[in-house]
Amino acid sequence: MHDRGLLLIGLFKLAKAIFFFCIGAGALHLVHKDIGDEVLRLALKLKFDPESRLVALLLGKVDLIDAHRLRQISVATFAYSALALTEGIGLLLEKVWAEYLTLILTVSFLPWELYELARRPDWFRLSLLIINLAVLAYLVWLLRRKNLLGTH
């Protein structure tokens, strides 16, 4: 019988892998395009007022992104996607190495998540932190139950 917790975490990791792969593909798609024009086109498609504060804010930020930066973004998101894919598949196959990998990666990202939440608190960041803490707690519990995590 499969562990439902690992199945759920594995599916979550696979969803993250797909999401970050799409981000990387989108960044590559924009390499030789005018990002400002693309933002305006998207705003119009989504029925945003092109004169709105949000669109103006985005247009101000996209000037900071050049082709080199887009390539860096795509490489980083493709790498993260591959890592999440590895975690997800390993967890779905109930591999102990995947449980440890997920545990280590989850712990390593917690300081950054806490920093981001303190810097700009919102429900999205808080939700991500809560999800990752739940994943961490479950994996620690599971590995202890399997007696694979040193207990003193």
Protein backbone atom coordinates (compact mmCIF):
# COMPACT_ATOMS: atom_id res chain seq x y z
CA MET A 1 0.00 0.00 0.00
CA HIS A 2 1.33 3.41 -0.97
CA ASP A 3 1.92 6.18 1.53
CA ARG A 4 -0.71 8.87 0.83
CA GLY A 5 1.43 11.61 2.34
CA LEU A 6 4.33 10.85 0.01
CA LEU A 7 1.91 10.64 -2.91
CA LEU A 8 0.51 14.08 -2.08
CA ILE A 9 3.96 15.63 -1.60
CA GLY A 10 5.22 13.96 -4.78
CA LEU A 11 2.30 15.33 -6.80
CA PHE A 12 2.92 18.80 -5.31
CA LYS A 13 6.58 18.58 -6.36
CA LEU A 14 5.58 17.49 -9.88
CA ALA A 15 3.20 20.46 -10.11
CA LYS A 16 6.06 22.76 -9.05
CA ALA A 17 8.29 21.15 -11.69
CA ILE A 18 5.73 21.88 -14.41
CA PHE A 19 5.18 25.44 -13.14
CA PHE A 20 8.89 26.29 -13.10
CA PHE A 21 9.47 24.62 -16.46
CA CYS A 22 6.78 26.92 -17.90
CA ILE A 23 8.46 29.95 -16.28
CA GLY A 24 11.77 28.96 -17.86
CA ALA A 25 10.17 28.41 -21.26
CA GLY A 26 8.41 31.77 -20.98
CA ALA A 27 11.69 33.51 -20.14
CA LEU A 28 13.35 31.94 -23.19
CA HIS A 29 10.38 32.94 -25.33
CA LEU A 30 10.97 36.58 -24.37
CA VAL A 31 14.73 36.65 -25.11
CA HIS A 32 14.48 38.41 -28.46
CA LYS A 33 11.27 40.33 -27.84
CA ASP A 34 10.42 43.75 -26.45
CA ILE A 35 9.23 42.80 -22.98
CA GLY A 36 7.38 46.10 -22.54
CA ASP A 37 5.31 45.36 -25.64
CA GLU A 38 4.61 41.86 -24.35
CA VAL A 39 3.45 43.21 -20.97
CA LEU A 40 1.10 45.67 -22.69
CA ARG A 41 -0.23 42.93 -24.97
CA LEU A 42 -0.87 40.66 -21.97
CA ALA A 43 -2.50 43.48 -20.00
CA LEU A 44 -4.90 44.14 -22.86
CA LYS A 45 -5.66 40.43 -23.25
CA LEU A 46 -6.46 40.19 -19.56
CA LYS A 47 -8.63 43.33 -19.79
CA PHE A 48 -6.33 45.45 -17.61
CA ASP A 49 -6.25 49.19 -18.15
CA PRO A 50 -2.86 49.86 -19.82
CA GLU A 51 -2.69 53.10 -17.82
CA SER A 52 -3.21 51.34 -14.46
CA ARG A 53 -0.71 51.50 -11.64
CA LEU A 54 0.01 47.76 -11.85
CA VAL A 55 0.83 47.87 -15.56
CA ALA A 56 2.97 50.99 -15.05
CA LEU A 57 4.82 49.24 -12.21
CA LEU A 58 5.48 46.19 -14.39
CA LEU A 59 6.64 48.33 -17.30
CA GLY A 60 9.06 50.11 -14.98
CA LYS A 61 10.51 46.79 -13.82
CA VAL A 62 10.85 45.09 -17.23
CA ASP A 63 13.36 47.69 -18.35
CA LEU A 64 15.74 46.11 -15.86
CA ILE A 65 15.55 42.73 -17.62
CA ASP A 66 17.75 42.14 -20.65
CA ALA A 67 18.34 39.03 -22.80
CA HIS A 68 21.23 37.87 -20.59
CA ARG A 69 19.06 38.13 -17.47
CA LEU A 70 16.24 36.21 -19.20
CA ARG A 71 18.69 33.42 -20.02
CA GLN A 72 19.83 33.35 -16.38
CA ILE A 73 16.22 33.16 -15.23
CA SER A 74 15.50 30.31 -17.63
CA VAL A 75 18.58 28.30 -16.58
CA ALA A 76 17.73 28.74 -12.88
CA THR A 77 14.07 27.81 -13.32
CA PHE A 78 14.90 24.81 -15.53
CA ALA A 79 17.38 23.61 -12.89
CA TYR A 80 14.82 24.05 -10.12
CA SER A 81 12.22 22.29 -12.27
CA ALA A 82 14.57 19.33 -12.76
CA LEU A 83 15.19 19.17 -9.02
CA ALA A 84 11.45 19.26 -8.24
CA LEU A 85 10.85 16.61 -10.92
CA THR A 86 13.52 14.39 -9.32
CA GLU A 87 11.96 14.89 -5.88
CA GLY A 88 8.45 14.23 -7.18
CA ILE A 89 9.29 11.05 -9.06
CA GLY A 90 11.43 9.77 -6.19
CA LEU A 91 8.64 10.41 -3.68
CA LEU A 92 6.02 8.76 -5.90
CA LEU A 93 8.29 5.72 -6.09
CA GLU A 94 8.72 5.96 -2.28
CA LYS A 95 12.51 6.15 -2.45
CA VAL A 96 14.18 6.97 0.85
CA TRP A 97 16.80 9.12 -0.94
CA ALA A 98 13.96 11.30 -2.24
CA GLU A 99 12.59 11.71 1.27
CA TYR A 100 16.01 12.89 2.47
CA LEU A 101 16.49 15.12 -0.58
CA THR A 102 13.10 16.76 -0.01
CA LEU A 103 13.81 17.15 3.69
CA ILE A 104 17.18 18.83 3.02
CA LEU A 105 15.83 21.11 0.30
CA THR A 106 12.80 22.10 2.35
CA VAL A 107 14.98 23.02 5.32
CA SER A 108 17.43 24.92 3.10
CA PHE A 109 14.69 27.14 1.64
CA LEU A 110 13.05 28.00 4.98
CA PRO A 111 15.35 30.95 5.84
CA TRP A 112 14.65 32.53 2.45
CA GLU A 113 10.91 31.97 2.83
CA LEU A 114 10.94 33.52 6.31
CA TYR A 115 12.93 36.49 5.03
CA GLU A 116 10.50 37.04 2.15
CA LEU A 117 7.51 36.73 4.46
CA ALA A 118 9.01 39.26 6.90
CA ARG A 119 9.93 41.62 4.04
CA ARG A 120 6.57 41.52 2.27
CA PRO A 121 3.96 39.62 4.28
CA ASP A 122 0.97 38.31 2.35
CA TRP A 123 -1.29 35.27 2.33
CA PHE A 124 0.52 33.62 -0.57
CA ARG A 125 3.93 33.66 1.15
CA LEU A 126 2.37 32.56 4.43
CA SER A 127 0.58 29.69 2.66
CA LEU A 128 3.81 28.52 1.02
CA LEU A 129 5.59 28.59 4.36
CA ILE A 130 2.80 26.60 6.03
CA ILE A 131 2.81 24.01 3.22
CA ASN A 132 6.57 23.60 3.44
CA LEU A 133 6.47 23.32 7.24
CA ALA A 134 3.79 20.63 6.91
CA VAL A 135 5.94 18.77 4.35
CA LEU A 136 8.93 19.06 6.67
CA ALA A 137 6.98 17.83 9.70
CA TYR A 138 5.55 14.89 7.77
CA LEU A 139 8.93 13.82 6.39
CA VAL A 140 10.60 14.05 9.82
CA TRP A 141 7.74 12.00 11.30
CA LEU A 142 7.92 9.43 8.49
CA LEU A 143 11.69 9.01 8.65
CA ARG A 144 11.58 8.71 12.43
CA ARG A 145 8.82 6.12 12.13
CA LYS A 146 11.01 4.19 9.71
CA ASN A 147 13.86 4.66 12.19
CA LEU A 148 15.99 6.26 9.47
CA LEU A 149 16.42 9.61 11.20
CA GLY A 150 18.68 9.52 14.23
CA THR A 151 16.68 9.94 17.43
CA HIS A 152 18.32 10.63 20.74
